[in-house]
Amino acid sequence: MYAIIYWETSDCAPRAIVHADGEMQIFGKLKDADAFANEFETNIWDSEVPYFGVPPDVDGDGKITVFIMDIEDGLSGSSYIAGVFLRLHEYDPASFPSDPIIQHSMLMEIVHIDTQAISSGNANGTLAHEFQHLIHFNSDPDETLWIDEAAATFAEFGFVAVPASTHLHIQTFPAGLLRRVGVFDAISV
């Protein structure tokens, strides 16, 4: 098992689903947690690792922590930040004692998924997107942003069933531009 999933409730008491030794232990109540964890274990991991490589393992536990929470983004209405991978947590604070930012590292593989992504049905795609960022950081931490985002978007839409409304956004992409820069071939777009 590869994932540890935490759910932050409205009373700020973390609920956890922990995958350990092939046995799932559930603390608290989360109706769709099993399906979410299973999607990561059987689809996202198995689809992304062969294409993008193995994720880092700075904490040595072989697991990815997924923290589901209300990401404080200052946005209103239907706009929200669906997920975040912070490379900060891949650095060991002991190796950078004079860096005040890295001193806040949790030294673990972690992605954050917004609760609105869960309620809107976009959680699996968001997890695939953020997991690709984590893997990509391991293989090329200095990658150009647009290439990393293109790969993450490919992971999001290429490996996970996404809500039908999302396909409307894809149809508006400038296909000619994507072919010219070599992101997709003519058949894909």
N, C-alpha and C. Protein backbone atom coordinates (compact mmCIF):
# COMPACT_ATOMS: atom_id res chain seq x y z
N MET A 1 0.83 -1.18 0.00
CA MET A 1 0.00 0.00 0.00
C MET A 1 0.88 1.24 0.00
N TYR A 2 0.45 2.25 -0.72
CA TYR A 2 1.29 3.42 -0.93
C TYR A 2 0.80 4.70 -0.28
N ALA A 3 -0.44 4.75 0.19
CA ALA A 3 -1.00 6.04 0.61
C ALA A 3 -1.39 6.07 2.07
N ILE A 4 -1.18 7.23 2.66
CA ILE A 4 -1.74 7.54 3.97
C ILE A 4 -2.64 8.73 3.71
N ILE A 5 -3.91 8.63 4.04
CA ILE A 5 -4.84 9.70 3.72
C ILE A 5 -5.43 10.25 5.00
N TYR A 6 -5.32 11.56 5.18
CA TYR A 6 -5.89 12.25 6.34
C TYR A 6 -7.02 13.14 5.86
N TRP A 7 -8.08 13.19 6.63
CA TRP A 7 -9.22 14.04 6.32
C TRP A 7 -9.40 15.01 7.46
N GLU A 8 -9.33 16.29 7.16
CA GLU A 8 -9.53 17.30 8.20
C GLU A 8 -11.01 17.61 8.27
N THR A 9 -11.60 17.41 9.44
CA THR A 9 -13.03 17.67 9.61
C THR A 9 -13.25 19.11 10.03
N SER A 10 -14.50 19.51 10.07
CA SER A 10 -14.81 20.89 10.41
C SER A 10 -14.40 21.23 11.84
N ASP A 11 -14.31 20.24 12.72
CA ASP A 11 -13.88 20.53 14.08
C ASP A 11 -12.37 20.37 14.23
N CYS A 12 -11.66 20.28 13.10
CA CYS A 12 -10.19 20.21 13.05
C CYS A 12 -9.62 18.96 13.70
N ALA A 13 -10.42 17.94 13.91
CA ALA A 13 -9.90 16.67 14.42
C ALA A 13 -9.57 15.80 13.21
N PRO A 14 -8.29 15.52 12.98
CA PRO A 14 -7.95 14.74 11.80
C PRO A 14 -8.52 13.32 11.87
N ARG A 15 -9.04 12.90 10.75
CA ARG A 15 -9.51 11.51 10.59
C ARG A 15 -8.52 10.87 9.65
N ALA A 16 -8.21 9.65 9.87
CA ALA A 16 -7.18 9.03 9.04
C ALA A 16 -7.61 7.69 8.50
N ILE A 17 -7.15 7.42 7.32
CA ILE A 17 -7.17 6.08 6.77
C ILE A 17 -5.71 5.77 6.55
N VAL A 18 -5.24 4.74 7.17
CA VAL A 18 -3.82 4.42 7.09
C VAL A 18 -3.66 3.08 6.40
N HIS A 19 -2.88 3.05 5.33
CA HIS A 19 -2.54 1.81 4.66
C HIS A 19 -1.20 1.36 5.24
N ALA A 20 -1.21 0.25 5.90
CA ALA A 20 0.04 -0.26 6.46
C ALA A 20 0.02 -1.77 6.42
N ASP A 21 1.10 -2.36 5.97
CA ASP A 21 1.22 -3.81 5.91
C ASP A 21 0.05 -4.47 5.19
N GLY A 22 -0.45 -3.82 4.16
CA GLY A 22 -1.54 -4.40 3.38
C GLY A 22 -2.88 -4.41 4.09
N GLU A 23 -2.98 -3.78 5.24
CA GLU A 23 -4.22 -3.81 6.01
C GLU A 23 -4.70 -2.37 6.22
N MET A 24 -5.96 -2.10 5.92
CA MET A 24 -6.48 -0.75 6.07
C MET A 24 -7.12 -0.58 7.44
N GLN A 25 -6.67 0.43 8.16
CA GLN A 25 -7.27 0.76 9.45
C GLN A 25 -7.99 2.09 9.28
N ILE A 26 -9.23 2.16 9.70
CA ILE A 26 -10.01 3.37 9.52
C ILE A 26 -10.26 4.02 10.88
N PHE A 27 -9.89 5.28 11.00
CA PHE A 27 -10.14 6.06 12.20
C PHE A 27 -11.11 7.17 11.81
N GLY A 28 -12.31 7.15 12.34
CA GLY A 28 -13.29 8.17 11.98
C GLY A 28 -14.20 7.66 10.88
N LYS A 29 -15.00 8.54 10.33
CA LYS A 29 -15.98 8.15 9.33
C LYS A 29 -15.80 8.99 8.07
N LEU A 30 -15.53 8.35 6.97
CA LEU A 30 -15.41 9.03 5.68
C LEU A 30 -15.95 8.08 4.62
N LYS A 31 -17.13 8.38 4.11
CA LYS A 31 -17.85 7.47 3.23
C LYS A 31 -17.06 7.02 2.01
N ASP A 32 -16.44 7.94 1.31
CA ASP A 32 -15.79 7.60 0.06
C ASP A 32 -14.28 7.40 0.18
N ALA A 33 -13.78 7.32 1.38
CA ALA A 33 -12.33 7.23 1.56
C ALA A 33 -11.75 5.95 0.96
N ASP A 34 -12.45 4.84 1.12
CA ASP A 34 -11.95 3.59 0.57
C ASP A 34 -11.80 3.69 -0.95
N ALA A 35 -12.80 4.25 -1.61
CA ALA A 35 -12.74 4.37 -3.07
C ALA A 35 -11.63 5.32 -3.49
N PHE A 36 -11.44 6.41 -2.74
CA PHE A 36 -10.39 7.39 -3.06
C PHE A 36 -9.02 6.74 -2.91
N ALA A 37 -8.81 6.05 -1.80
CA ALA A 37 -7.53 5.37 -1.57
C ALA A 37 -7.30 4.28 -2.61
N ASN A 38 -8.35 3.54 -2.95
CA ASN A 38 -8.22 2.47 -3.93
C ASN A 38 -7.86 3.03 -5.31
N GLU A 39 -8.43 4.19 -5.67
CA GLU A 39 -8.10 4.83 -6.95
C GLU A 39 -6.62 5.15 -7.01
N PHE A 40 -6.08 5.65 -5.91
CA PHE A 40 -4.65 5.96 -5.89
C PHE A 40 -3.82 4.69 -5.99
N GLU A 41 -4.18 3.70 -5.19
CA GLU A 41 -3.41 2.46 -5.12
C GLU A 41 -3.41 1.69 -6.43
N THR A 42 -4.57 1.59 -7.07
CA THR A 42 -4.69 0.68 -8.21
C THR A 42 -4.67 1.37 -9.57
N ASN A 43 -4.95 2.66 -9.62
CA ASN A 43 -4.98 3.33 -10.91
C ASN A 43 -3.90 4.40 -11.03
N ILE A 44 -3.93 5.38 -10.14
CA ILE A 44 -3.01 6.51 -10.27
C ILE A 44 -1.57 6.06 -10.15
N TRP A 45 -1.24 5.34 -9.10
CA TRP A 45 0.14 4.87 -8.92
C TRP A 45 0.57 4.01 -10.10
N ASP A 46 -0.25 3.00 -10.40
CA ASP A 46 0.10 2.04 -11.46
C ASP A 46 0.17 2.69 -12.84
N SER A 47 -0.56 3.76 -13.06
CA SER A 47 -0.52 4.45 -14.35
C SER A 47 0.64 5.42 -14.47
N GLU A 48 0.94 6.13 -13.38
CA GLU A 48 1.94 7.19 -13.47
C GLU A 48 3.38 6.72 -13.32
N VAL A 49 3.63 5.78 -12.44
CA VAL A 49 5.02 5.37 -12.19
C VAL A 49 5.71 4.85 -13.45
N PRO A 50 5.06 4.02 -14.29
CA PRO A 50 5.75 3.57 -15.51
C PRO A 50 6.09 4.71 -16.47
N TYR A 51 5.27 5.76 -16.51
CA TYR A 51 5.50 6.88 -17.43
C TYR A 51 6.44 7.94 -16.86
N PHE A 52 6.26 8.27 -15.59
CA PHE A 52 6.99 9.41 -15.02
C PHE A 52 8.11 9.02 -14.08
N GLY A 53 8.15 7.78 -13.63
CA GLY A 53 9.20 7.34 -12.71
C GLY A 53 8.70 7.19 -11.28
N VAL A 54 9.60 6.81 -10.42
CA VAL A 54 9.23 6.57 -9.02
C VAL A 54 9.23 7.88 -8.24
N PRO A 55 8.34 7.98 -7.26
CA PRO A 55 8.35 9.18 -6.43
C PRO A 55 9.53 9.15 -5.46
N PRO A 56 9.88 10.30 -4.92
CA PRO A 56 10.94 10.31 -3.91
C PRO A 56 10.47 9.58 -2.66
N ASP A 57 11.38 9.30 -1.77
CA ASP A 57 11.04 8.66 -0.50
C ASP A 57 11.96 9.20 0.59
N VAL A 58 11.88 10.51 0.83
CA VAL A 58 12.80 11.16 1.77
C VAL A 58 12.63 10.69 3.21
N ASP A 59 11.44 10.20 3.54
CA ASP A 59 11.22 9.75 4.92
C ASP A 59 11.38 8.24 5.08
N GLY A 60 11.61 7.54 3.96
CA GLY A 60 11.90 6.12 4.02
C GLY A 60 10.73 5.21 4.34
N ASP A 61 9.48 5.72 4.26
CA ASP A 61 8.34 4.86 4.59
C ASP A 61 7.66 4.27 3.36
N GLY A 62 8.08 4.70 2.15
CA GLY A 62 7.50 4.17 0.92
C GLY A 62 6.06 4.58 0.68
N LYS A 63 5.59 5.60 1.35
CA LYS A 63 4.19 6.01 1.24
C LYS A 63 4.09 7.49 0.84
N ILE A 64 2.95 7.81 0.26
CA ILE A 64 2.61 9.19 -0.08
C ILE A 64 1.50 9.61 0.88
N THR A 65 1.66 10.74 1.53
CA THR A 65 0.62 11.25 2.42
C THR A 65 -0.27 12.19 1.62
N VAL A 66 -1.58 11.96 1.71
CA VAL A 66 -2.56 12.82 1.06
C VAL A 66 -3.35 13.49 2.17
N PHE A 67 -3.27 14.80 2.25
CA PHE A 67 -3.96 15.54 3.30
C PHE A 67 -5.11 16.30 2.67
N ILE A 68 -6.33 15.90 3.02
CA ILE A 68 -7.52 16.52 2.47
C ILE A 68 -7.98 17.59 3.46
N MET A 69 -8.05 18.82 2.96
CA MET A 69 -8.35 19.94 3.85
C MET A 69 -8.96 21.08 3.05
N ASP A 70 -9.46 22.08 3.74
CA ASP A 70 -9.89 23.30 3.08
C ASP A 70 -8.65 24.15 2.88
N ILE A 71 -8.15 24.18 1.66
CA ILE A 71 -6.95 24.97 1.37
C ILE A 71 -7.35 26.44 1.42
N GLU A 72 -6.72 27.18 2.28
CA GLU A 72 -7.00 28.62 2.43
C GLU A 72 -6.41 29.34 1.22
N ASP A 73 -7.27 29.65 0.24
CA ASP A 73 -6.77 30.25 -1.00
C ASP A 73 -7.30 31.66 -1.25
N GLY A 74 -8.23 32.12 -0.43
CA GLY A 74 -8.76 33.47 -0.60
C GLY A 74 -9.68 33.63 -1.80
N LEU A 75 -10.02 32.53 -2.46
CA LEU A 75 -10.90 32.60 -3.63
C LEU A 75 -12.35 32.42 -3.19
N SER A 76 -13.27 32.91 -3.99
CA SER A 76 -14.68 32.79 -3.63
C SER A 76 -15.46 32.17 -4.79
N GLY A 77 -16.69 31.81 -4.49
CA GLY A 77 -17.55 31.22 -5.51
C GLY A 77 -17.08 29.83 -5.88
N SER A 78 -17.11 29.54 -7.18
CA SER A 78 -16.73 28.20 -7.63
C SER A 78 -15.23 28.08 -7.89
N SER A 79 -14.48 29.15 -7.72
CA SER A 79 -13.02 29.10 -7.92
C SER A 79 -12.34 28.61 -6.66
N TYR A 80 -11.38 27.73 -6.83
CA TYR A 80 -10.62 27.23 -5.68
C TYR A 80 -9.33 26.59 -6.17
N ILE A 81 -8.36 26.51 -5.28
CA ILE A 81 -7.14 25.76 -5.57
C ILE A 81 -7.42 24.32 -5.17
N ALA A 82 -7.42 23.42 -6.15
CA ALA A 82 -7.84 22.05 -5.93
C ALA A 82 -6.81 21.21 -5.20
N GLY A 83 -5.53 21.51 -5.40
CA GLY A 83 -4.50 20.71 -4.75
C GLY A 83 -3.15 21.39 -4.81
N VAL A 84 -2.25 20.93 -3.97
CA VAL A 84 -0.92 21.53 -3.89
C VAL A 84 0.12 20.46 -3.56
N PHE A 85 1.23 20.50 -4.28
CA PHE A 85 2.44 19.77 -3.89
C PHE A 85 3.48 20.82 -3.56
N LEU A 86 4.00 20.80 -2.35
CA LEU A 86 5.02 21.76 -1.93
C LEU A 86 6.37 21.04 -1.87
N ARG A 87 7.27 21.40 -2.77
CA ARG A 87 8.60 20.79 -2.80
C ARG A 87 9.37 21.02 -1.51
N LEU A 88 8.97 22.00 -0.74
CA LEU A 88 9.59 22.30 0.55
C LEU A 88 9.73 21.05 1.41
N HIS A 89 8.71 20.19 1.39
CA HIS A 89 8.68 19.02 2.27
C HIS A 89 9.61 17.90 1.82
N GLU A 90 10.29 18.08 0.69
CA GLU A 90 11.25 17.09 0.22
C GLU A 90 12.66 17.37 0.74
N TYR A 91 12.85 18.48 1.39
CA TYR A 91 14.18 18.87 1.88
C TYR A 91 14.32 18.61 3.37
N ASP A 92 15.50 18.15 3.75
CA ASP A 92 15.80 17.88 5.16
C ASP A 92 16.26 19.17 5.83
N PRO A 93 15.53 19.66 6.83
CA PRO A 93 15.93 20.89 7.50
C PRO A 93 17.35 20.84 8.07
N ALA A 94 17.80 19.66 8.48
CA ALA A 94 19.15 19.54 9.04
C ALA A 94 20.22 19.83 8.00
N SER A 95 19.90 19.62 6.72
CA SER A 95 20.87 19.88 5.65
C SER A 95 20.93 21.35 5.26
N PHE A 96 19.96 22.12 5.70
CA PHE A 96 19.89 23.55 5.37
C PHE A 96 19.60 24.35 6.64
N PRO A 97 20.50 24.31 7.63
CA PRO A 97 20.20 24.93 8.92
C PRO A 97 20.00 26.44 8.87
N SER A 98 20.55 27.11 7.87
CA SER A 98 20.41 28.57 7.81
C SER A 98 19.24 29.02 6.95
N ASP A 99 18.49 28.09 6.37
CA ASP A 99 17.36 28.45 5.52
C ASP A 99 16.07 28.45 6.36
N PRO A 100 15.50 29.62 6.63
CA PRO A 100 14.32 29.68 7.50
C PRO A 100 13.08 29.04 6.89
N ILE A 101 12.99 28.97 5.57
CA ILE A 101 11.85 28.34 4.93
C ILE A 101 11.93 26.83 5.07
N ILE A 102 13.07 26.25 4.73
CA ILE A 102 13.23 24.79 4.78
C ILE A 102 13.11 24.27 6.22
N GLN A 103 13.31 25.12 7.19
CA GLN A 103 13.13 24.69 8.57
C GLN A 103 11.69 24.28 8.86
N HIS A 104 10.75 24.65 7.97
CA HIS A 104 9.34 24.27 8.13
C HIS A 104 9.00 22.98 7.37
N SER A 105 9.99 22.35 6.78
CA SER A 105 9.76 21.10 6.04
C SER A 105 9.27 20.00 6.96
N MET A 106 8.31 19.21 6.47
CA MET A 106 7.85 18.04 7.21
C MET A 106 8.66 16.80 6.83
N LEU A 107 9.56 16.94 5.86
CA LEU A 107 10.41 15.86 5.38
C LEU A 107 9.60 14.60 5.10
N MET A 108 8.70 14.72 4.16
CA MET A 108 7.84 13.61 3.78
C MET A 108 7.22 13.88 2.42
N GLU A 109 6.74 12.84 1.77
CA GLU A 109 6.01 12.98 0.52
C GLU A 109 4.57 13.29 0.88
N ILE A 110 4.12 14.49 0.54
CA ILE A 110 2.76 14.89 0.90
C ILE A 110 2.17 15.75 -0.21
N VAL A 111 0.91 15.51 -0.50
CA VAL A 111 0.14 16.38 -1.38
C VAL A 111 -1.12 16.78 -0.62
N HIS A 112 -1.58 17.98 -0.87
CA HIS A 112 -2.79 18.51 -0.23
C HIS A 112 -3.90 18.57 -1.27
N ILE A 113 -5.07 18.07 -0.91
CA ILE A 113 -6.24 18.10 -1.79
C ILE A 113 -7.32 18.90 -1.08
N ASP A 114 -7.93 19.85 -1.79
CA ASP A 114 -8.97 20.68 -1.20
C ASP A 114 -10.28 19.90 -1.06
N THR A 115 -11.01 20.18 0.02
CA THR A 115 -12.29 19.51 0.25
C THR A 115 -13.27 19.81 -0.88
N GLN A 116 -13.16 20.96 -1.52
CA GLN A 116 -14.05 21.28 -2.63
C GLN A 116 -13.77 20.37 -3.83
N ALA A 117 -12.53 19.91 -3.99
CA ALA A 117 -12.23 18.94 -5.05
C ALA A 117 -12.95 17.63 -4.78
N ILE A 118 -13.06 17.27 -3.50
CA ILE A 118 -13.78 16.06 -3.12
C ILE A 118 -15.26 16.22 -3.46
N SER A 119 -15.86 17.32 -2.99
CA SER A 119 -17.30 17.50 -3.17
C SER A 119 -17.69 17.73 -4.63
N SER A 120 -16.77 18.25 -5.46
CA SER A 120 -17.09 18.49 -6.86
C SER A 120 -16.78 17.29 -7.76
N GLY A 121 -16.20 16.24 -7.19
CA GLY A 121 -15.88 15.06 -7.98
C GLY A 121 -14.55 15.12 -8.70
N ASN A 122 -13.72 16.11 -8.37
CA ASN A 122 -12.43 16.28 -9.04
C ASN A 122 -11.25 15.76 -8.24
N ALA A 123 -11.49 15.08 -7.14
CA ALA A 123 -10.40 14.67 -6.25
C ALA A 123 -9.43 13.71 -6.91
N ASN A 124 -9.92 12.72 -7.64
CA ASN A 124 -9.01 11.75 -8.25
C ASN A 124 -8.11 12.41 -9.28
N GLY A 125 -8.68 13.26 -10.12
CA GLY A 125 -7.87 13.98 -11.10
C GLY A 125 -6.86 14.90 -10.45
N THR A 126 -7.29 15.56 -9.38
CA THR A 126 -6.38 16.45 -8.65
C THR A 126 -5.24 15.66 -8.03
N LEU A 127 -5.56 14.51 -7.45
CA LEU A 127 -4.52 13.67 -6.85
C LEU A 127 -3.53 13.20 -7.92
N ALA A 128 -4.04 12.80 -9.09
CA ALA A 128 -3.15 12.38 -10.18
C ALA A 128 -2.25 13.53 -10.60
N HIS A 129 -2.81 14.73 -10.69
CA HIS A 129 -2.06 15.93 -11.08
C HIS A 129 -0.95 16.22 -10.08
N GLU A 130 -1.28 16.25 -8.79
CA GLU A 130 -0.29 16.59 -7.76
C GLU A 130 0.75 15.48 -7.58
N PHE A 131 0.33 14.22 -7.74
CA PHE A 131 1.27 13.10 -7.65
C PHE A 131 2.32 13.19 -8.75
N GLN A 132 1.89 13.61 -9.95
CA GLN A 132 2.86 13.78 -11.04
C GLN A 132 3.87 14.86 -10.68
N HIS A 133 3.42 15.95 -10.08
CA HIS A 133 4.37 16.99 -9.65
C HIS A 133 5.40 16.41 -8.68
N LEU A 134 4.95 15.59 -7.76
CA LEU A 134 5.85 14.98 -6.78
C LEU A 134 6.87 14.09 -7.48
N ILE A 135 6.40 13.25 -8.40
CA ILE A 135 7.31 12.37 -9.14
C ILE A 135 8.29 13.20 -9.98
N HIS A 136 7.76 14.20 -10.68
CA HIS A 136 8.59 15.03 -11.56
C HIS A 136 9.67 15.75 -10.77
N PHE A 137 9.33 16.20 -9.58
CA PHE A 137 10.32 16.86 -8.73
C PHE A 137 11.48 15.91 -8.44
N ASN A 138 11.17 14.63 -8.24
CA ASN A 138 12.22 13.65 -7.95
C ASN A 138 13.17 13.47 -9.12
N SER A 139 12.64 13.51 -10.35
CA SER A 139 13.50 13.27 -11.51
C SER A 139 14.14 14.54 -12.06
N ASP A 140 13.47 15.68 -11.92
CA ASP A 140 14.01 16.93 -12.47
C ASP A 140 13.46 18.12 -11.68
N PRO A 141 14.08 18.43 -10.53
CA PRO A 141 13.56 19.51 -9.69
C PRO A 141 13.63 20.89 -10.33
N ASP A 142 14.42 21.04 -11.39
CA ASP A 142 14.56 22.34 -12.04
C ASP A 142 13.80 22.42 -13.37
N GLU A 143 12.84 21.52 -13.57
CA GLU A 143 12.09 21.49 -14.82
C GLU A 143 11.38 22.82 -15.07
N THR A 144 11.27 23.19 -16.33
CA THR A 144 10.52 24.38 -16.72
C THR A 144 9.06 24.18 -16.31
N LEU A 145 8.47 25.23 -15.75
CA LEU A 145 7.13 25.13 -15.18
C LEU A 145 6.09 24.63 -16.18
N TRP A 146 6.10 25.14 -17.41
CA TRP A 146 5.04 24.75 -18.34
C TRP A 146 5.14 23.27 -18.72
N ILE A 147 6.33 22.73 -18.74
CA ILE A 147 6.49 21.30 -19.06
C ILE A 147 5.96 20.46 -17.90
N ASP A 148 6.31 20.85 -16.68
CA ASP A 148 5.81 20.14 -15.50
C ASP A 148 4.28 20.21 -15.43
N GLU A 149 3.71 21.38 -15.71
CA GLU A 149 2.25 21.52 -15.69
C GLU A 149 1.60 20.72 -16.82
N ALA A 150 2.22 20.68 -17.98
CA ALA A 150 1.67 19.88 -19.08
C ALA A 150 1.65 18.40 -18.72
N ALA A 151 2.72 17.91 -18.12
CA ALA A 151 2.77 16.51 -17.70
C ALA A 151 1.73 16.23 -16.62
N ALA A 152 1.56 17.17 -15.69
CA ALA A 152 0.57 16.99 -14.62
C ALA A 152 -0.85 17.01 -15.18
N THR A 153 -1.09 17.86 -16.16
CA THR A 153 -2.41 17.90 -16.79
C THR A 153 -2.66 16.63 -17.57
N PHE A 154 -1.63 16.12 -18.23
CA PHE A 154 -1.76 14.83 -18.92
C PHE A 154 -2.11 13.73 -17.91
N ALA A 155 -1.45 13.71 -16.76
CA ALA A 155 -1.75 12.71 -15.73
C ALA A 155 -3.19 12.85 -15.25
N GLU A 156 -3.62 14.07 -15.08
CA GLU A 156 -4.98 14.34 -14.58
C GLU A 156 -6.05 13.84 -15.53
N PHE A 157 -5.89 14.12 -16.82
CA PHE A 157 -6.91 13.77 -17.79
C PHE A 157 -6.63 12.46 -18.52
N GLY A 158 -5.39 12.01 -18.51
CA GLY A 158 -5.04 10.80 -19.23
C GLY A 158 -5.22 9.51 -18.45
N PHE A 159 -5.15 9.59 -17.13
CA PHE A 159 -5.17 8.37 -16.32
C PHE A 159 -6.40 8.23 -15.43
N VAL A 160 -7.20 9.27 -15.34
CA VAL A 160 -8.32 9.27 -14.39
C VAL A 160 -9.59 9.67 -15.13
N ALA A 161 -10.71 9.03 -14.78
CA ALA A 161 -11.99 9.45 -15.32
C ALA A 161 -12.36 10.78 -14.67
N VAL A 162 -12.54 11.82 -15.48
CA VAL A 162 -12.85 13.15 -14.95
C VAL A 162 -14.30 13.50 -15.28
N PRO A 163 -14.90 14.42 -14.52
CA PRO A 163 -16.28 14.81 -14.80
C PRO A 163 -16.44 15.31 -16.23
N ALA A 164 -17.60 15.04 -16.82
CA ALA A 164 -17.85 15.39 -18.22
C ALA A 164 -17.66 16.88 -18.49
N SER A 165 -17.98 17.73 -17.53
CA SER A 165 -17.85 19.18 -17.76
C SER A 165 -16.41 19.58 -18.02
N THR A 166 -15.47 18.81 -17.51
CA THR A 166 -14.06 19.12 -17.70
C THR A 166 -13.67 19.01 -19.17
N HIS A 167 -14.29 18.10 -19.88
CA HIS A 167 -13.94 17.90 -21.29
C HIS A 167 -14.27 19.14 -22.13
N LEU A 168 -15.23 19.94 -21.69
CA LEU A 168 -15.54 21.18 -22.41
C LEU A 168 -14.34 22.11 -22.40
N HIS A 169 -13.61 22.14 -21.30
CA HIS A 169 -12.42 22.99 -21.22
C HIS A 169 -11.32 22.47 -22.15
N ILE A 170 -11.17 21.17 -22.23
CA ILE A 170 -10.14 20.58 -23.08
C ILE A 170 -10.42 20.89 -24.55
N GLN A 171 -11.70 20.89 -24.93
CA GLN A 171 -12.05 21.16 -26.32
C GLN A 171 -11.67 22.57 -26.76
N THR A 172 -11.48 23.48 -25.82
CA THR A 172 -11.13 24.85 -26.18
C THR A 172 -9.62 25.07 -26.25
N PHE A 173 -8.81 24.04 -25.97
CA PHE A 173 -7.36 24.18 -26.07
C PHE A 173 -6.98 24.42 -27.53
N PRO A 174 -5.99 25.24 -27.80
CA PRO A 174 -5.55 25.48 -29.18
C PRO A 174 -4.76 24.27 -29.69
N ALA A 175 -5.43 23.34 -30.37
CA ALA A 175 -4.82 22.09 -30.79
C ALA A 175 -3.59 22.29 -31.66
N GLY A 176 -3.64 23.25 -32.57
CA GLY A 176 -2.48 23.49 -33.43
C GLY A 176 -1.25 23.86 -32.63
N LEU A 177 -1.42 24.70 -31.63
CA LEU A 177 -0.30 25.10 -30.79
C LEU A 177 0.26 23.90 -30.04
N LEU A 178 -0.62 23.05 -29.50
CA LEU A 178 -0.15 21.89 -28.76
C LEU A 178 0.63 20.94 -29.66
N ARG A 179 0.21 20.80 -30.92
CA ARG A 179 0.96 19.95 -31.85
C ARG A 179 2.30 20.57 -32.21
N ARG A 180 2.32 21.90 -32.43
CA ARG A 180 3.57 22.57 -32.82
C ARG A 180 4.64 22.45 -31.75
N VAL A 181 4.27 22.53 -30.49
CA VAL A 181 5.28 22.44 -29.44
C VAL A 181 5.55 20.99 -29.04
N GLY A 182 4.87 20.04 -29.71
CA GLY A 182 5.16 18.63 -29.49
C GLY A 182 4.54 18.04 -28.24
N VAL A 183 3.51 18.70 -27.68
CA VAL A 183 2.88 18.16 -26.49
C VAL A 183 2.00 16.97 -26.86
N PHE A 184 1.21 17.10 -27.95
CA PHE A 184 0.33 16.03 -28.39
C PHE A 184 0.49 15.84 -29.89
N ASP A 185 0.19 14.64 -30.38
CA ASP A 185 0.18 14.44 -31.82
C ASP A 185 -1.23 14.76 -32.35
N ALA A 186 -1.40 14.74 -33.65
CA ALA A 186 -2.68 15.12 -34.25
C ALA A 186 -3.81 14.20 -33.82
N ILE A 187 -3.52 12.93 -33.59
CA ILE A 187 -4.55 11.98 -33.20
C ILE A 187 -5.06 12.28 -31.79
N SER A 188 -4.16 12.70 -30.89
CA SER A 188 -4.55 12.97 -29.51
C SER A 188 -5.44 14.19 -29.38
N VAL A 189 -5.24 15.18 -30.23
CA VAL A 189 -6.02 16.41 -30.15
C VAL A 189 -7.03 16.44 -31.24
